[in-house]
């Protein structure tokens, strides 16, 4: 069966791309109202593309959780195992897309393309960007399948971003809402639908499936921020709660100032947490540059990962999954 005759499976999870409001403005809409079938019908240019729609979840992506990730992983695994499927496209919300994309990059040993897309405006907005993004994502998935490329990417505003690096960079802009945190795009999609600049994709992050859908609750990892006047109160509260709860705290990611620095008041509390077996990683609250390893560092640096991505990475590390993205 040639690639052109094979399906693109489109998995819906909700998000602003499926959101609706009372009018064409961008105020007061509600996310996750339209089904993935409705989203596809709103893109006439895709009418001739062999596709299959599956609704995995219907949530605002701010509410993304482990159970949805497990369901999504199961749908992806089942779709990619089918001979009649060329690629998978996922419609997602923008708020946690960087976490989902990073998690899938790390855990799925994909041999076919997996493309995430989203929207900054609801489907009823006069500026709705969802139809264009969904069209582009399906075209990128088809093109990548025809080239034999595999891996996880995100497509937003005509740009293809690597799944391990993509992150939200603006709260409401459309054209530059996402970037790669210093990594260059993998390619672009023109207004005519042509894909330019894409030569190859980075390989998947793992050699072998990690059975996410069968796994139990993940290790508990929380994010703290270092700031002026930071002390150890939140760390103390987390340690106390961890002793009382059945789901013990496993790690802390600190969104540090600058290049991985931490307020001395917070540092003392983190040292206490470390003595109790809590693993500490450092990311940065600065948008670009990340935290690279330097001589004399006490706690590991999370590299170019955002704090949210580093939290996912630390959960996987505590599970024993190597983290290839944390490097000098």
Protein backbone atom coordinates (compact mmCIF):
# COMPACT_ATOMS: atom_id res chain seq x y z
CA UNK A 1 0.00 0.00 0.00
CA UNK A 2 1.56 3.32 -1.03
CA UNK A 3 1.72 6.29 1.34
CA UNK A 4 -0.85 8.33 -0.58
CA UNK A 5 -3.53 5.70 0.04
CA UNK A 6 -2.87 5.47 3.77
CA UNK A 7 -4.78 7.26 6.49
CA UNK A 8 -3.85 10.19 8.66
CA UNK A 9 -5.41 9.53 12.07
CA UNK A 10 -6.43 12.77 13.78
CA UNK A 11 -6.71 12.56 17.57
CA UNK A 12 -8.68 15.30 19.33
CA UNK A 13 -8.04 16.38 22.90
CA UNK A 14 -9.96 19.69 23.02
CA UNK A 15 -8.25 23.04 23.55
CA UNK A 16 -8.84 26.49 22.10
CA UNK A 17 -8.73 25.04 18.61
CA UNK A 18 -12.05 23.37 19.53
CA UNK A 19 -13.33 26.37 21.48
CA UNK A 20 -16.41 28.50 20.79
CA UNK A 21 -17.71 31.85 21.95
CA UNK A 22 -20.85 33.93 21.66
CA UNK A 23 -19.41 36.08 18.87
CA UNK A 24 -16.46 36.74 16.58
CA UNK A 25 -14.36 38.49 19.24
CA UNK A 26 -11.69 36.70 21.28
CA UNK A 27 -13.22 37.33 24.71
CA UNK A 28 -15.20 34.89 26.78
CA UNK A 29 -14.88 31.76 24.67
CA UNK A 30 -14.98 28.27 26.15
CA UNK A 31 -12.35 25.74 25.12
CA UNK A 32 -13.07 22.16 24.04
CA UNK A 33 -16.57 22.51 22.60
CA UNK A 34 -16.23 21.15 19.06
CA UNK A 35 -15.46 17.56 18.19
CA UNK A 36 -12.43 16.65 16.12
CA UNK A 37 -14.82 15.65 13.32
CA UNK A 38 -16.25 19.18 13.34
CA UNK A 39 -12.76 20.65 13.19
CA UNK A 40 -11.93 18.59 10.11
CA UNK A 41 -15.19 19.52 8.38
CA UNK A 42 -14.24 23.18 8.84
CA UNK A 43 -11.20 22.70 6.57
CA UNK A 44 -12.58 22.09 3.05
CA UNK A 45 -9.07 21.72 1.60
CA UNK A 46 -8.73 18.45 3.51
CA UNK A 47 -11.85 16.91 2.00
CA UNK A 48 -9.89 14.61 -0.30
CA UNK A 49 -7.37 13.43 2.29
CA UNK A 50 -7.94 9.91 3.70
CA UNK A 51 -8.43 10.59 7.41
CA UNK A 52 -9.90 9.01 10.50
CA UNK A 53 -10.93 11.09 13.51
CA UNK A 54 -10.83 9.86 17.10
CA UNK A 55 -11.84 11.88 20.16
CA UNK A 56 -9.38 11.04 22.93
CA UNK A 57 -10.44 13.76 25.37
CA UNK A 58 -12.34 17.06 25.43
CA UNK A 59 -10.55 19.37 27.84
CA UNK A 60 -8.99 22.78 28.17
CA UNK A 61 -5.30 21.88 28.04
CA UNK A 62 -4.64 23.76 31.28
CA UNK A 63 -6.35 20.73 32.82
CA UNK A 64 -4.12 18.17 31.11
CA UNK A 65 -3.30 15.28 33.44
CA UNK A 66 -1.74 11.86 33.57
CA UNK A 67 -4.92 9.98 32.66
CA UNK A 68 -5.31 11.93 29.42
CA UNK A 69 -1.65 11.37 28.56
CA UNK A 70 -2.16 7.66 29.10
CA UNK A 71 -5.24 7.60 26.86
CA UNK A 72 -3.43 9.61 24.21
CA UNK A 73 -0.44 7.27 24.27
CA UNK A 74 -2.71 4.27 23.83
CA UNK A 75 -4.47 5.83 20.83
CA UNK A 76 -1.13 6.75 19.24
CA UNK A 77 0.31 3.30 19.81
CA UNK A 78 -2.73 1.58 18.31
CA UNK A 79 -2.84 3.92 15.31
CA UNK A 80 0.86 3.62 14.48
CA UNK A 81 0.67 -0.17 14.67
CA UNK A 82 -1.83 -0.23 11.79
CA UNK A 83 -0.53 -0.82 8.27
CA UNK A 84 -3.22 1.48 6.84
CA UNK A 85 -2.04 4.47 8.93
CA UNK A 86 0.69 6.76 7.59
CA UNK A 87 0.80 9.34 10.39
CA UNK A 88 -0.94 10.75 13.45
CA UNK A 89 -2.04 14.36 14.00
CA UNK A 90 -3.06 15.57 17.48
CA UNK A 91 -5.23 18.63 18.11
CA UNK A 92 -4.27 20.10 21.48
CA UNK A 93 -4.54 23.22 23.59
CA UNK A 94 -1.62 25.64 23.58
CA UNK A 95 -1.15 25.90 27.36
CA UNK A 96 0.44 22.49 27.94
CA UNK A 97 1.39 21.55 24.38
CA UNK A 98 5.09 21.81 25.23
CA UNK A 99 4.70 19.23 28.00
CA UNK A 100 2.74 16.77 25.88
CA UNK A 101 5.09 17.14 22.91
CA UNK A 102 8.14 16.61 25.11
CA UNK A 103 6.61 13.60 26.86
CA UNK A 104 5.68 11.94 23.56
CA UNK A 105 9.11 12.66 22.09
CA UNK A 106 10.74 10.98 25.07
CA UNK A 107 8.49 7.95 25.43
CA UNK A 108 7.24 6.93 22.02
CA UNK A 109 9.56 4.96 19.80
CA UNK A 110 7.69 6.19 16.73
CA UNK A 111 8.40 4.90 13.26
CA UNK A 112 5.88 7.25 11.67
CA UNK A 113 5.23 11.01 12.01
CA UNK A 114 3.32 12.38 15.01
CA UNK A 115 2.31 16.03 14.54
CA UNK A 116 0.73 18.22 17.22
CA UNK A 117 -1.16 21.40 16.42
CA UNK A 118 -3.29 23.92 18.29
CA UNK A 119 -4.75 27.41 18.00
CA UNK A 120 -4.46 30.75 19.73
CA UNK A 121 -7.99 31.80 18.78
CA UNK A 122 -11.27 29.96 19.22
CA UNK A 123 -13.02 28.44 16.22
CA UNK A 124 -15.68 31.18 16.29
CA UNK A 125 -13.15 34.03 16.34
CA UNK A 126 -12.82 36.34 13.35
CA UNK A 127 -9.08 35.56 13.61
CA UNK A 128 -9.48 31.79 14.00
CA UNK A 129 -6.12 30.17 13.26
CA UNK A 130 -7.16 26.61 13.95
CA UNK A 131 -8.28 25.69 10.42
CA UNK A 132 -4.98 26.83 8.89
CA UNK A 133 -2.94 25.09 11.57
CA UNK A 134 -4.88 21.84 11.21
CA UNK A 135 -4.54 21.97 7.42
CA UNK A 136 -0.79 22.54 7.75
CA UNK A 137 -0.39 19.76 10.32
CA UNK A 138 -2.09 17.19 8.08
CA UNK A 139 -0.01 18.27 5.08
CA UNK A 140 3.19 18.05 7.14
CA UNK A 141 2.16 14.59 8.37
CA UNK A 142 1.55 13.42 4.79
CA UNK A 143 4.82 14.89 3.55
CA UNK A 144 6.85 13.41 6.39
CA UNK A 145 5.29 9.98 5.83
CA UNK A 146 6.15 10.16 2.14
CA UNK A 147 9.77 10.92 3.08
CA UNK A 148 9.98 8.16 5.65
CA UNK A 149 10.52 10.62 8.52
CA UNK A 150 9.54 9.65 12.04
CA UNK A 151 9.28 11.60 15.28
CA UNK A 152 7.23 14.14 17.17
CA UNK A 153 6.85 17.71 15.93
CA UNK A 154 4.48 20.64 16.44
CA UNK A 155 3.05 22.81 13.68
CA UNK A 156 1.89 26.33 14.52
CA UNK A 157 1.50 29.46 12.38
CA UNK A 158 3.23 27.93 9.38
CA UNK A 159 6.28 26.71 11.35
CA UNK A 160 7.41 23.15 12.13
CA UNK A 161 9.03 22.86 15.58
CA UNK A 162 10.84 19.83 17.08
CA UNK A 163 8.71 18.19 19.75
CA UNK A 164 11.44 18.13 22.38
CA UNK A 165 12.08 21.88 22.10
CA UNK A 166 8.77 23.59 21.25
CA UNK A 167 7.35 25.92 23.88
CA UNK A 168 4.76 28.68 24.19
CA UNK A 169 6.49 32.04 24.00
CA UNK A 170 3.65 34.59 23.89
CA UNK A 171 0.36 34.61 25.75
CA UNK A 172 -1.87 35.91 22.94
CA UNK A 173 0.01 36.55 19.69
CA UNK A 174 -0.77 34.26 16.76
CA UNK A 175 2.30 34.43 14.51
CA UNK A 176 4.98 34.08 17.20
CA UNK A 177 3.12 32.29 19.98
CA UNK A 178 5.60 29.38 19.89
CA UNK A 179 9.33 28.97 19.42
CA UNK A 180 12.06 26.41 19.93
CA UNK A 181 13.84 27.97 22.89
CA UNK A 182 16.89 28.66 20.76
CA UNK A 183 16.49 25.69 18.40
CA UNK A 184 15.72 26.53 14.78
CA UNK A 185 12.49 25.46 13.09
CA UNK A 186 12.53 22.23 11.12
CA UNK A 187 10.71 23.89 8.23
CA UNK A 188 7.88 26.18 7.16
CA UNK A 189 4.55 25.86 5.37
CA UNK A 190 3.75 28.57 2.83
CA UNK A 191 0.32 30.10 2.29
CA UNK A 192 -0.08 27.82 -0.71
CA UNK A 193 0.58 24.76 1.44
CA UNK A 194 4.10 24.08 0.17
CA UNK A 195 6.54 22.72 2.76
CA UNK A 196 9.94 24.39 2.55
CA UNK A 197 13.20 24.04 4.44
CA UNK A 198 12.34 20.66 5.95
CA UNK A 199 15.20 18.25 5.28
CA UNK A 200 14.88 15.74 8.09
CA UNK A 201 13.57 15.40 11.61
CA UNK A 202 15.41 14.66 14.86
CA UNK A 203 15.16 10.99 15.83
CA UNK A 204 12.69 9.90 18.51
CA UNK A 205 14.00 10.24 22.03
CA UNK A 206 13.74 6.59 23.03
CA UNK A 207 14.67 3.22 21.55
CA UNK A 208 11.66 1.14 22.57
CA UNK A 209 8.10 1.80 23.67
CA UNK A 210 7.51 2.86 27.25
CA UNK A 211 4.07 1.53 28.12
CA UNK A 212 2.66 4.79 29.45
CA UNK A 213 -0.95 3.63 29.42
CA UNK A 214 -0.13 0.66 31.67
CA UNK A 215 2.05 2.60 34.12
CA UNK A 216 0.92 3.47 37.61
CA UNK A 217 0.90 7.00 39.07
CA UNK A 218 4.06 8.90 38.12
CA UNK A 219 6.59 10.07 40.71
CA UNK A 220 5.42 13.33 42.27
CA UNK A 221 7.48 16.30 41.09
CA UNK A 222 6.67 19.94 41.86
CA UNK A 223 7.96 23.25 40.47
CA UNK A 224 9.22 26.08 42.67
CA UNK A 225 10.38 29.54 41.64
CA UNK A 226 13.38 31.40 43.02
CA UNK A 227 12.72 35.12 43.39
CA UNK A 228 13.54 38.12 45.53
CA UNK A 229 12.77 37.25 49.14
CA UNK A 230 12.36 33.53 48.44
CA UNK A 231 12.52 31.34 51.51
CA UNK A 232 11.92 27.71 52.36
CA UNK A 233 8.29 27.92 53.44
CA UNK A 234 6.87 26.13 50.39
CA UNK A 235 9.55 23.46 50.55
CA UNK A 236 8.79 22.86 54.23
CA UNK A 237 5.07 22.60 53.42
CA UNK A 238 5.73 20.11 50.63
CA UNK A 239 7.93 17.96 52.87
CA UNK A 240 5.28 17.97 55.61
CA UNK A 241 2.50 17.08 53.19
CA UNK A 242 4.64 14.37 51.61
CA UNK A 243 5.01 12.69 54.98
CA UNK A 244 1.22 12.72 55.47
CA UNK A 245 0.14 11.75 51.95
CA UNK A 246 0.31 8.39 50.28
CA UNK A 247 1.96 9.85 47.17
CA UNK A 248 5.40 10.86 48.39
CA UNK A 249 7.31 13.76 46.89
CA UNK A 250 10.06 12.51 44.58
CA UNK A 251 11.59 15.64 43.08
CA UNK A 252 11.61 19.42 42.83
CA UNK A 253 12.34 21.55 39.78
CA UNK A 254 13.44 25.09 40.60
CA UNK A 255 12.71 27.79 38.03
CA UNK A 256 15.88 29.67 38.92
CA UNK A 257 16.94 33.24 38.42
CA UNK A 258 19.34 33.83 35.54
CA UNK A 259 21.62 30.96 34.66
CA UNK A 260 20.45 28.61 37.40
CA UNK A 261 20.97 30.66 40.56
CA UNK A 262 18.83 30.17 43.69
CA UNK A 263 18.08 32.53 46.58
CA UNK A 264 20.03 31.57 49.69
CA UNK A 265 16.85 31.28 51.76
CA UNK A 266 15.41 28.74 49.33
CA UNK A 267 18.75 26.96 48.99
CA UNK A 268 18.82 26.00 52.68
CA UNK A 269 15.37 24.42 52.45
CA UNK A 270 16.31 22.57 49.27
CA UNK A 271 19.37 21.13 50.99
CA UNK A 272 17.09 19.80 53.72
CA UNK A 273 14.82 18.28 51.09
CA UNK A 274 17.80 16.66 49.41
CA UNK A 275 18.82 15.09 52.71
CA UNK A 276 15.39 13.47 52.80
CA UNK A 277 15.93 11.87 49.41
CA UNK A 278 14.22 14.49 47.22
CA UNK A 279 15.91 14.98 43.85
CA UNK A 280 16.54 18.63 42.88
CA UNK A 281 16.92 19.94 39.32
CA UNK A 282 17.52 23.51 38.16
CA UNK A 283 15.82 25.18 35.21
CA UNK A 284 15.46 28.91 34.55
CA UNK A 285 12.57 31.33 34.73
CA UNK A 286 14.22 33.20 31.82
CA UNK A 287 12.58 32.53 28.46
CA UNK A 288 15.67 31.52 26.46
CA UNK A 289 19.12 30.10 27.09
CA UNK A 290 18.29 27.47 29.67
CA UNK A 291 20.74 26.31 32.33
CA UNK A 292 23.92 24.56 31.24
CA UNK A 293 26.14 22.50 33.50
CA UNK A 294 29.11 24.36 34.98
CA UNK A 295 31.99 23.33 37.20
CA UNK A 296 31.05 23.39 40.87
CA UNK A 297 27.31 22.90 40.35
CA UNK A 298 25.67 21.05 43.21
CA UNK A 299 22.32 20.32 41.56
CA UNK A 300 21.86 19.15 37.95
CA UNK A 301 20.94 21.65 35.25
CA UNK A 302 17.93 20.96 33.04
CA UNK A 303 19.60 22.25 29.91
CA UNK A 304 17.30 24.09 27.50
CA UNK A 305 14.13 22.60 28.97
CA UNK A 306 11.46 24.88 30.37
CA UNK A 307 10.52 24.31 33.99
CA UNK A 308 7.37 22.49 32.85
CA UNK A 309 9.36 20.24 30.51
CA UNK A 310 11.99 19.67 33.18
CA UNK A 311 9.26 18.50 35.54
CA UNK A 312 8.25 15.85 32.98
CA UNK A 313 11.91 14.92 32.48
CA UNK A 314 12.52 14.54 36.21
CA UNK A 315 9.46 12.30 36.55
CA UNK A 316 10.89 10.10 33.82
CA UNK A 317 14.33 10.17 35.45
CA UNK A 318 12.84 8.99 38.74
CA UNK A 319 11.19 6.22 36.74
CA UNK A 320 14.58 5.24 35.35
CA UNK A 321 14.11 6.61 31.80
CA UNK A 322 17.38 8.28 30.64
CA UNK A 323 17.14 11.98 29.80
CA UNK A 324 19.06 12.66 26.60
CA UNK A 325 18.10 16.35 26.44
CA UNK A 326 20.02 17.29 29.60
CA UNK A 327 23.47 17.89 28.19
CA UNK A 328 26.19 20.49 28.12
